Amino acid sequence: MDLYIYYQVREADTAALHGAVTAMQAGLAANHSVAPQLKRRPQAQDGLQTWMEVYPAVPDGFDAALAAAVLRSGLSPLTAGPRHTEAFTDLISCA
């Protein structure tokens, strides 16, 4: 299963949030053998950027570890609104 988490961030908070997210993702990578990615939409709108964290092929229970890491990292004050999480699985070919 792959996790996609997207949220908005005020442009004034991007540097602080970037540091917090990359540190959190480094810890998750080391402790859970995941390969996190951090992306953003190319344009800001009304002073807000949309960011996305991607966690491909996560192990069972990773969502709980991620939630705990988010709390420890103090990301909430740096985001403009809630984090939205989507989970996707690979399609199996019918060939």
PDB file of N, CA and C in Angstrom:
ATOM      1  N   MET A   1       0.836  -1.173   0.000  1.00  0.00           N
ATOM      2  CA  MET A   1       0.000   0.000   0.000  1.00  0.00           C
ATOM      3  C   MET A   1       0.887   1.244   0.000  1.00  0.00           C
ATOM      4  N   ASP A   2       0.451   2.252  -0.734  1.00  0.00           N
ATOM      5  CA  ASP A   2       1.136   3.542  -0.786  1.00  0.00           C
ATOM      6  C   ASP A   2       0.261   4.581  -0.095  1.00  0.00           C
ATOM      7  N   LEU A   3       0.892   5.476   0.663  1.00  0.00           N
ATOM      8  CA  LEU A   3       0.168   6.561   1.321  1.00  0.00           C
ATOM      9  C   LEU A   3       0.520   7.889   0.671  1.00  0.00           C
ATOM     10  N   TYR A   4      -0.502   8.702   0.460  1.00  0.00           N
ATOM     11  CA  TYR A   4      -0.358  10.046  -0.097  1.00  0.00           C
ATOM     12  C   TYR A   4      -1.024  11.002   0.882  1.00  0.00           C
ATOM     13  N   ILE A   5      -0.253  11.933   1.424  1.00  0.00           N
ATOM     14  CA  ILE A   5      -0.772  12.884   2.400  1.00  0.00           C
ATOM     15  C   ILE A   5      -0.578  14.281   1.835  1.00  0.00           C
ATOM     16  N   TYR A   6      -1.667  15.002   1.681  1.00  0.00           N
ATOM     17  CA  TYR A   6      -1.548  16.358   1.142  1.00  0.00           C
ATOM     18  C   TYR A   6      -2.157  17.368   2.104  1.00  0.00           C
ATOM     19  N   TYR A   7      -1.633  18.592   2.023  1.00  0.00           N
ATOM     20  CA  TYR A   7      -2.056  19.663   2.921  1.00  0.00           C
ATOM     21  C   TYR A   7      -1.567  20.982   2.362  1.00  0.00           C
ATOM     22  N   GLN A   8      -2.066  22.072   2.932  1.00  0.00           N
ATOM     23  CA  GLN A   8      -1.634  23.394   2.501  1.00  0.00           C
ATOM     24  C   GLN A   8      -0.717  24.010   3.546  1.00  0.00           C
ATOM     25  N   VAL A   9       0.157  24.877   3.059  1.00  0.00           N
ATOM     26  CA  VAL A   9       1.104  25.574   3.930  1.00  0.00           C
ATOM     27  C   VAL A   9       1.201  27.033   3.482  1.00  0.00           C
ATOM     28  N   ARG A  10       1.206  27.926   4.457  1.00  0.00           N
ATOM     29  CA  ARG A  10       1.391  29.348   4.152  1.00  0.00           C
ATOM     30  C   ARG A  10       2.820  29.552   3.636  1.00  0.00           C
ATOM     31  N   GLU A  11       2.963  30.384   2.627  1.00  0.00           N
ATOM     32  CA  GLU A  11       4.292  30.592   2.043  1.00  0.00           C
ATOM     33  C   GLU A  11       5.302  31.059   3.081  1.00  0.00           C
ATOM     34  N   ALA A  12       4.867  31.795   4.082  1.00  0.00           N
ATOM     35  CA  ALA A  12       5.781  32.266   5.131  1.00  0.00           C
ATOM     36  C   ALA A  12       6.309  31.126   6.002  1.00  0.00           C
ATOM     37  N   ASP A  13       5.622  29.984   6.001  1.00  0.00           N
ATOM     38  CA  ASP A  13       6.016  28.854   6.854  1.00  0.00           C
ATOM     39  C   ASP A  13       6.754  27.743   6.104  1.00  0.00           C
ATOM     40  N   THR A  14       7.027  27.948   4.817  1.00  0.00           N
ATOM     41  CA  THR A  14       7.590  26.848   4.031  1.00  0.00           C
ATOM     42  C   THR A  14       8.970  26.402   4.511  1.00  0.00           C
ATOM     43  N   ALA A  15       9.839  27.318   4.865  1.00  0.00           N
ATOM     44  CA  ALA A  15      11.194  26.928   5.290  1.00  0.00           C
ATOM     45  C   ALA A  15      11.142  26.110   6.575  1.00  0.00           C
ATOM     46  N   ALA A  16      10.367  26.561   7.545  1.00  0.00           N
ATOM     47  CA  ALA A  16      10.261  25.826   8.809  1.00  0.00           C
ATOM     48  C   ALA A  16       9.609  24.464   8.599  1.00  0.00           C
ATOM     49  N   LEU A  17       8.557  24.428   7.795  1.00  0.00           N
ATOM     50  CA  LEU A  17       7.877  23.155   7.553  1.00  0.00           C
ATOM     51  C   LEU A  17       8.774  22.194   6.792  1.00  0.00           C
ATOM     52  N   HIS A  18       9.510  22.707   5.815  1.00  0.00           N
ATOM     53  CA  HIS A  18      10.405  21.838   5.050  1.00  0.00           C
ATOM     54  C   HIS A  18      11.406  21.150   5.975  1.00  0.00           C
ATOM     55  N   GLY A  19      12.009  21.904   6.866  1.00  0.00           N
ATOM     56  CA  GLY A  19      12.958  21.316   7.803  1.00  0.00           C
ATOM     57  C   GLY A  19      12.318  20.269   8.694  1.00  0.00           C
ATOM     58  N   ALA A  20      11.117  20.554   9.189  1.00  0.00           N
ATOM     59  CA  ALA A  20      10.430  19.616  10.076  1.00  0.00           C
ATOM     60  C   ALA A  20      10.012  18.346   9.342  1.00  0.00           C
ATOM     61  N   VAL A  21       9.487  18.488   8.133  1.00  0.00           N
ATOM     62  CA  VAL A  21       9.033  17.313   7.379  1.00  0.00           C
ATOM     63  C   VAL A  21      10.218  16.451   6.956  1.00  0.00           C
ATOM     64  N   THR A  22      11.283  17.062   6.455  1.00  0.00           N
ATOM     65  CA  THR A  22      12.419  16.250   6.011  1.00  0.00           C
ATOM     66  C   THR A  22      13.079  15.528   7.181  1.00  0.00           C
ATOM     67  N   ALA A  23      13.141  16.160   8.349  1.00  0.00           N
ATOM     68  CA  ALA A  23      13.683  15.475   9.527  1.00  0.00           C
ATOM     69  C   ALA A  23      12.784  14.312   9.934  1.00  0.00           C
ATOM     70  N   MET A  24      11.472  14.531   9.917  1.00  0.00           N
ATOM     71  CA  MET A  24      10.528  13.468  10.253  1.00  0.00           C
ATOM     72  C   MET A  24      10.655  12.310   9.272  1.00  0.00           C
ATOM     73  N   GLN A  25      10.721  12.625   7.980  1.00  0.00           N
ATOM     74  CA  GLN A  25      10.816  11.575   6.971  1.00  0.00           C
ATOM     75  C   GLN A  25      12.127  10.806   7.078  1.00  0.00           C
ATOM     76  N   ALA A  26      13.202  11.470   7.442  1.00  0.00           N
ATOM     77  CA  ALA A  26      14.480  10.772   7.625  1.00  0.00           C
ATOM     78  C   ALA A  26      14.364   9.756   8.752  1.00  0.00           C
ATOM     79  N   GLY A  27      13.712  10.129   9.841  1.00  0.00           N
ATOM     80  CA  GLY A  27      13.505   9.197  10.939  1.00  0.00           C
ATOM     81  C   GLY A  27      12.623   8.031  10.542  1.00  0.00           C
ATOM     82  N   LEU A  28      11.559   8.303   9.798  1.00  0.00           N
ATOM     83  CA  LEU A  28      10.679   7.230   9.335  1.00  0.00           C
ATOM     84  C   LEU A  28      11.413   6.289   8.388  1.00  0.00           C
ATOM     85  N   ALA A  29      12.239   6.842   7.519  1.00  0.00           N
ATOM     86  CA  ALA A  29      13.009   6.014   6.590  1.00  0.00           C
ATOM     87  C   ALA A  29      13.955   5.093   7.349  1.00  0.00           C
ATOM     88  N   ALA A  30      14.629   5.628   8.351  1.00  0.00           N
ATOM     89  CA  ALA A  30      15.589   4.835   9.118  1.00  0.00           C
ATOM     90  C   ALA A  30      14.907   3.760   9.955  1.00  0.00           C
ATOM     91  N   ASN A  31      13.753   4.075  10.526  1.00  0.00           N
ATOM     92  CA  ASN A  31      13.097   3.152  11.450  1.00  0.00           C
ATOM     93  C   ASN A  31      12.113   2.184  10.807  1.00  0.00           C
ATOM     94  N   HIS A  32      11.660   2.492   9.581  1.00  0.00           N
ATOM     95  CA  HIS A  32      10.614   1.666   8.971  1.00  0.00           C
ATOM     96  C   HIS A  32      10.950   1.216   7.551  1.00  0.00           C
ATOM     97  N   SER A  33      12.165   1.469   7.104  1.00  0.00           N
ATOM     98  CA  SER A  33      12.612   1.046   5.763  1.00  0.00           C
ATOM     99  C   SER A  33      11.656   1.507   4.663  1.00  0.00           C
ATOM    100  N   VAL A  34      11.257   2.768   4.729  1.00  0.00           N
ATOM    101  CA  VAL A  34      10.428   3.354   3.679  1.00  0.00           C
ATOM    102  C   VAL A  34      11.261   4.380   2.919  1.00  0.00           C
ATOM    103  N   ALA A  35      10.781   4.749   1.738  1.00  0.00           N
ATOM    104  CA  ALA A  35      11.478   5.733   0.900  1.00  0.00           C
ATOM    105  C   ALA A  35      10.553   6.931   0.668  1.00  0.00           C
ATOM    106  N   PRO A  36      10.453   7.824   1.651  1.00  0.00           N
ATOM    107  CA  PRO A  36       9.514   8.944   1.547  1.00  0.00           C
ATOM    108  C   PRO A  36       9.897   9.928   0.444  1.00  0.00           C
ATOM    109  N   GLN A  37       8.879  10.608  -0.051  1.00  0.00           N
ATOM    110  CA  GLN A  37       9.062  11.682  -1.019  1.00  0.00           C
ATOM    111  C   GLN A  37       8.289  12.897  -0.517  1.00  0.00           C
ATOM    112  N   LEU A  38       8.742  14.076  -0.889  1.00  0.00           N
ATOM    113  CA  LEU A  38       8.040  15.313  -0.557  1.00  0.00           C
ATOM    114  C   LEU A  38       7.883  16.111  -1.840  1.00  0.00           C
ATOM    115  N   LYS A  39       6.643  16.484  -2.150  1.00  0.00           N
ATOM    116  CA  LYS A  39       6.349  17.190  -3.390  1.00  0.00           C
ATOM    117  C   LYS A  39       5.478  18.400  -3.086  1.00  0.00           C
ATOM    118  N   ARG A  40       5.383  19.292  -4.079  1.00  0.00           N
ATOM    119  CA  ARG A  40       4.468  20.430  -3.968  1.00  0.00           C
ATOM    120  C   ARG A  40       3.920  20.768  -5.342  1.00  0.00           C
ATOM    121  N   ARG A  41       2.766  21.409  -5.334  1.00  0.00           N
ATOM    122  CA  ARG A  41       2.220  21.902  -6.604  1.00  0.00           C
ATOM    123  C   ARG A  41       3.126  23.020  -7.104  1.00  0.00           C
ATOM    124  N   PRO A  42       3.232  23.184  -8.423  1.00  0.00           N
ATOM    125  CA  PRO A  42       4.148  24.191  -8.961  1.00  0.00           C
ATOM    126  C   PRO A  42       3.777  25.632  -8.606  1.00  0.00           C
ATOM    127  N   GLN A  43       2.488  25.936  -8.453  1.00  0.00           N
ATOM    128  CA  GLN A  43       2.083  27.309  -8.174  1.00  0.00           C
ATOM    129  C   GLN A  43       1.417  27.394  -6.804  1.00  0.00           C
ATOM    130  N   ALA A  44       1.597  28.557  -6.182  1.00  0.00           N
ATOM    131  CA  ALA A  44       0.861  28.869  -4.955  1.00  0.00           C
ATOM    132  C   ALA A  44      -0.437  29.563  -5.348  1.00  0.00           C
ATOM    133  N   GLN A  45      -1.417  29.489  -4.459  1.00  0.00           N
ATOM    134  CA  GLN A  45      -2.680  30.177  -4.701  1.00  0.00           C
ATOM    135  C   GLN A  45      -3.101  30.868  -3.410  1.00  0.00           C
ATOM    136  N   ASP A  46      -3.334  32.151  -3.497  1.00  0.00           N
ATOM    137  CA  ASP A  46      -3.754  32.951  -2.336  1.00  0.00           C
ATOM    138  C   ASP A  46      -2.782  32.822  -1.166  1.00  0.00           C
ATOM    139  N   GLY A  47      -1.487  32.784  -1.478  1.00  0.00           N
ATOM    140  CA  GLY A  47      -0.467  32.702  -0.435  1.00  0.00           C
ATOM    141  C   GLY A  47      -0.284  31.331   0.180  1.00  0.00           C
ATOM    142  N   LEU A  48      -0.903  30.311  -0.427  1.00  0.00           N
ATOM    143  CA  LEU A  48      -0.801  28.945   0.092  1.00  0.00           C
ATOM    144  C   LEU A  48      -0.196  28.020  -0.953  1.00  0.00           C
ATOM    145  N   GLN A  49       0.676  27.149  -0.502  1.00  0.00           N
ATOM    146  CA  GLN A  49       1.209  26.082  -1.339  1.00  0.00           C
ATOM    147  C   GLN A  49       0.534  24.776  -0.924  1.00  0.00           C
ATOM    148  N   THR A  50       0.397  23.860  -1.866  1.00  0.00           N
ATOM    149  CA  THR A  50      -0.095  22.520  -1.549  1.00  0.00           C
ATOM    150  C   THR A  50       1.082  21.567  -1.622  1.00  0.00           C
ATOM    151  N   TRP A  51       1.318  20.861  -0.531  1.00  0.00           N
ATOM    152  CA  TRP A  51       2.407  19.893  -0.436  1.00  0.00           C
ATOM    153  C   TRP A  51       1.843  18.492  -0.341  1.00  0.00           C
ATOM    154  N   MET A  52       2.659  17.519  -0.755  1.00  0.00           N
ATOM    155  CA  MET A  52       2.266  16.122  -0.655  1.00  0.00           C
ATOM    156  C   MET A  52       3.445  15.287  -0.181  1.00  0.00           C
ATOM    157  N   GLU A  53       3.199  14.493   0.840  1.00  0.00           N
ATOM    158  CA  GLU A  53       4.153  13.481   1.281  1.00  0.00           C
ATOM    159  C   GLU A  53       3.718  12.164   0.652  1.00  0.00           C
ATOM    160  N   VAL A  54       4.667  11.430   0.097  1.00  0.00           N
ATOM    161  CA  VAL A  54       4.381  10.143  -0.522  1.00  0.00           C
ATOM    162  C   VAL A  54       5.212   9.086   0.192  1.00  0.00           C
ATOM    163  N   TYR A  55       4.546   7.998   0.560  1.00  0.00           N
ATOM    164  CA  TYR A  55       5.206   6.877   1.231  1.00  0.00           C
ATOM    165  C   TYR A  55       4.849   5.608   0.468  1.00  0.00           C
ATOM    166  N   PRO A  56       5.699   5.196  -0.496  1.00  0.00           N
ATOM    167  CA  PRO A  56       5.393   4.006  -1.282  1.00  0.00           C
ATOM    168  C   PRO A  56       5.675   2.719  -0.499  1.00  0.00           C
ATOM    169  N   ALA A  57       4.852   1.727  -0.754  1.00  0.00           N
ATOM    170  CA  ALA A  57       5.062   0.360  -0.242  1.00  0.00           C
ATOM    171  C   ALA A  57       5.336   0.331   1.259  1.00  0.00           C
ATOM    172  N   VAL A  58       4.415   0.905   2.027  1.00  0.00           N
ATOM    173  CA  VAL A  58       4.619   0.974   3.477  1.00  0.00           C
ATOM    174  C   VAL A  58       4.275  -0.357   4.137  1.00  0.00           C
ATOM    175  N   PRO A  59       4.952  -0.678   5.240  1.00  0.00           N
ATOM    176  CA  PRO A  59       4.639  -1.914   5.965  1.00  0.00           C
ATOM    177  C   PRO A  59       3.348  -1.761   6.777  1.00  0.00           C
ATOM    178  N   ASP A  60       2.788  -2.884   7.199  1.00  0.00           N
ATOM    179  CA  ASP A  60       1.606  -2.863   8.062  1.00  0.00           C
ATOM    180  C   ASP A  60       1.900  -2.044   9.317  1.00  0.00           C
ATOM    181  N   GLY A  61       0.939  -1.265   9.736  1.00  0.00           N
ATOM    182  CA  GLY A  61       1.095  -0.461  10.937  1.00  0.00           C
ATOM    183  C   GLY A  61       1.817   0.856  10.735  1.00  0.00           C
ATOM    184  N   PHE A  62       2.253   1.134   9.522  1.00  0.00           N
ATOM    185  CA  PHE A  62       3.007   2.361   9.278  1.00  0.00           C
ATOM    186  C   PHE A  62       2.162   3.608   9.524  1.00  0.00           C
ATOM    187  N   ASP A  63       0.874   3.537   9.233  1.00  0.00           N
ATOM    188  CA  ASP A  63       0.029   4.720   9.423  1.00  0.00           C
ATOM    189  C   ASP A  63       0.048   5.196  10.874  1.00  0.00           C
ATOM    190  N   ALA A  64       0.090   4.278  11.826  1.00  0.00           N
ATOM    191  CA  ALA A  64       0.171   4.663  13.242  1.00  0.00           C
ATOM    192  C   ALA A  64       1.527   5.292  13.551  1.00  0.00           C
ATOM    193  N   ALA A  65       2.595   4.726  12.987  1.00  0.00           N
ATOM    194  CA  ALA A  65       3.933   5.290  13.195  1.00  0.00           C
ATOM    195  C   ALA A  65       4.022   6.688  12.593  1.00  0.00           C
ATOM    196  N   LEU A  66       3.413   6.878  11.436  1.00  0.00           N
ATOM    197  CA  LEU A  66       3.405   8.193  10.793  1.00  0.00           C
ATOM    198  C   LEU A  66       2.630   9.202  11.638  1.00  0.00           C
ATOM    199  N   ALA A  67       1.473   8.816  12.139  1.00  0.00           N
ATOM    200  CA  ALA A  67       0.681   9.725  12.977  1.00  0.00           C
ATOM    201  C   ALA A  67       1.464  10.152  14.215  1.00  0.00           C
ATOM    202  N   ALA A  68       2.156   9.218  14.839  1.00  0.00           N
ATOM    203  CA  ALA A  68       2.966   9.544  16.020  1.00  0.00           C
ATOM    204  C   ALA A  68       4.115  10.473  15.645  1.00  0.00           C
ATOM    205  N   ALA A  69       4.739  10.224  14.496  1.00  0.00           N
ATOM    206  CA  ALA A  69       5.852  11.064  14.047  1.00  0.00           C
ATOM    207  C   ALA A  69       5.381  12.484  13.756  1.00  0.00           C
ATOM    208  N   VAL A  70       4.202  12.624  13.180  1.00  0.00           N
ATOM    209  CA  VAL A  70       3.645  13.952  12.897  1.00  0.00           C
ATOM    210  C   VAL A  70       3.444  14.720  14.204  1.00  0.00           C
ATOM    211  N   LEU A  71       2.903  14.057  15.217  1.00  0.00           N
ATOM    212  CA  LEU A  71       2.705  14.716  16.518  1.00  0.00           C
ATOM    213  C   LEU A  71       4.030  15.148  17.131  1.00  0.00           C
ATOM    214  N   ARG A  72       5.017  14.246  17.107  1.00  0.00           N
ATOM    215  CA  ARG A  72       6.332  14.563  17.678  1.00  0.00           C
ATOM    216  C   ARG A  72       7.007  15.706  16.933  1.00  0.00           C
ATOM    217  N   SER A  73       6.786  15.787  15.633  1.00  0.00           N
ATOM    218  CA  SER A  73       7.469  16.779  14.796  1.00  0.00           C
ATOM    219  C   SER A  73       6.847  18.167  14.887  1.00  0.00           C
ATOM    220  N   GLY A  74       5.667  18.274  15.451  1.00  0.00           N
ATOM    221  CA  GLY A  74       5.024  19.581  15.585  1.00  0.00           C
ATOM    222  C   GLY A  74       4.639  20.217  14.266  1.00  0.00           C
ATOM    223  N   LEU A  75       4.152  19.419  13.322  1.00  0.00           N
ATOM    224  CA  LEU A  75       3.817  19.951  12.005  1.00  0.00           C
ATOM    225  C   LEU A  75       2.532  20.772  11.988  1.00  0.00           C
ATOM    226  N   SER A  76       1.588  20.457  12.844  1.00  0.00           N
ATOM    227  CA  SER A  76       0.256  21.073  12.765  1.00  0.00           C
ATOM    228  C   SER A  76       0.262  22.600  12.758  1.00  0.00           C
ATOM    229  N   PRO A  77       1.034  23.269  13.618  1.00  0.00           N
ATOM    230  CA  PRO A  77       1.004  24.741  13.577  1.00  0.00           C
ATOM    231  C   PRO A  77       1.567  25.326  12.278  1.00  0.00           C
ATOM    232  N   LEU A  78       2.308  24.531  11.536  1.00  0.00           N
ATOM    233  CA  LEU A  78       2.935  25.019  10.308  1.00  0.00           C
ATOM    234  C   LEU A  78       2.095  24.746   9.068  1.00  0.00           C
ATOM    235  N   THR A  79       0.991  24.029   9.223  1.00  0.00           N
ATOM    236  CA  THR A  79       0.122  23.757   8.083  1.00  0.00           C
ATOM    237  C   THR A  79      -1.130  24.610   8.193  1.00  0.00           C
ATOM    238  N   ALA A  80      -1.702  24.924   7.046  1.00  0.00           N
ATOM    239  CA  ALA A  80      -2.923  25.733   6.991  1.00  0.00           C
ATOM    240  C   ALA A  80      -4.094  24.790   6.760  1.00  0.00           C
ATOM    241  N   GLY A  81      -4.618  24.243   7.835  1.00  0.00           N
ATOM    242  CA  GLY A  81      -5.713  23.288   7.711  1.00  0.00           C
ATOM    243  C   GLY A  81      -5.236  21.869   7.946  1.00  0.00           C
ATOM    244  N   PRO A  82      -6.136  20.912   7.739  1.00  0.00           N
ATOM    245  CA  PRO A  82      -5.828  19.517   8.060  1.00  0.00           C
ATOM    246  C   PRO A  82      -4.954  18.828   7.013  1.00  0.00           C
ATOM    247  N   ARG A  83      -4.359  17.732   7.445  1.00  0.00           N
ATOM    248  CA  ARG A  83      -3.657  16.816   6.544  1.00  0.00           C
ATOM    249  C   ARG A  83      -4.695  15.824   6.019  1.00  0.00           C
ATOM    250  N   HIS A  84      -4.647  15.545   4.731  1.00  0.00           N
ATOM    251  CA  HIS A  84      -5.573  14.596   4.108  1.00  0.00           C
ATOM    252  C   HIS A  84      -4.767  13.382   3.668  1.00  0.00           C
ATOM    253  N   THR A  85      -5.201  12.202   4.067  1.00  0.00           N
ATOM    254  CA  THR A  85      -4.473  10.972   3.748  1.00  0.00           C
ATOM    255  C   THR A  85      -5.289  10.113   2.799  1.00  0.00           C
ATOM    256  N   GLU A  86      -4.636   9.639   1.751  1.00  0.00           N
ATOM    257  CA  GLU A  86      -5.231   8.702   0.796  1.00  0.00           C
ATOM    258  C   GLU A  86      -4.327   7.483   0.723  1.00  0.00           C
ATOM    259  N   ALA A  87      -4.922   6.300   0.636  1.00  0.00           N
ATOM    260  CA  ALA A  87      -4.166   5.051   0.506  1.00  0.00           C
ATOM    261  C   ALA A  87      -4.513   4.411  -0.834  1.00  0.00           C
ATOM    262  N   PHE A  88      -3.483   3.941  -1.537  1.00  0.00           N
ATOM    263  CA  PHE A  88      -3.669   3.283  -2.823  1.00  0.00           C
ATOM    264  C   PHE A  88      -2.899   1.972  -2.831  1.00  0.00           C
ATOM    265  N   THR A  89      -3.428   1.007  -3.559  1.00  0.00           N
ATOM    266  CA  THR A  89      -2.728  -0.259  -3.765  1.00  0.00           C
ATOM    267  C   THR A  89      -2.496  -0.437  -5.259  1.00  0.00           C
ATOM    268  N   ASP A  90      -1.549  -1.293  -5.601  1.00  0.00           N
ATOM    269  CA  ASP A  90      -1.259  -1.582  -6.998  1.00  0.00           C
ATOM    270  C   ASP A  90      -2.378  -2.423  -7.601  1.00  0.00           C
ATOM    271  N   LEU A  91      -2.655  -2.185  -8.867  1.00  0.00           N
ATOM    272  CA  LEU A  91      -3.588  -3.031  -9.599  1.00  0.00           C
ATOM    273  C   LEU A  91      -2.861  -4.288 -10.040  1.00  0.00           C
ATOM    274  N   ILE A  92      -3.537  -5.396  -9.950  1.00  0.00           N
ATOM    275  CA  ILE A  92      -2.970  -6.661 -10.403  1.00  0.00           C
ATOM    276  C   ILE A  92      -3.361  -6.847 -11.864  1.00  0.00           C
ATOM    277  N   SER A  93      -2.387  -7.108 -12.702  1.00  0.00           N
ATOM    278  CA  SER A  93      -2.637  -7.297 -14.124  1.00  0.00           C
ATOM    279  C   SER A  93      -3.420  -8.584 -14.356  1.00  0.00           C
ATOM    280  N   CYS A  94      -4.325  -8.547 -15.317  1.00  0.00           N
ATOM    281  CA  CYS A  94      -5.135  -9.725 -15.646  1.00  0.00           C
ATOM    282  C   CYS A  94      -4.537 -10.507 -16.805  1.00  0.00           C
ATOM    283  N   ALA A  95      -3.299 -10.266 -17.130  1.00  0.00           N
ATOM    284  CA  ALA A  95      -2.673 -10.914 -18.296  1.00  0.00           C
ATOM    285  C   ALA A  95      -2.441 -12.381 -18.075  1.00  0.00           C
TER     286      ALA A  95
END
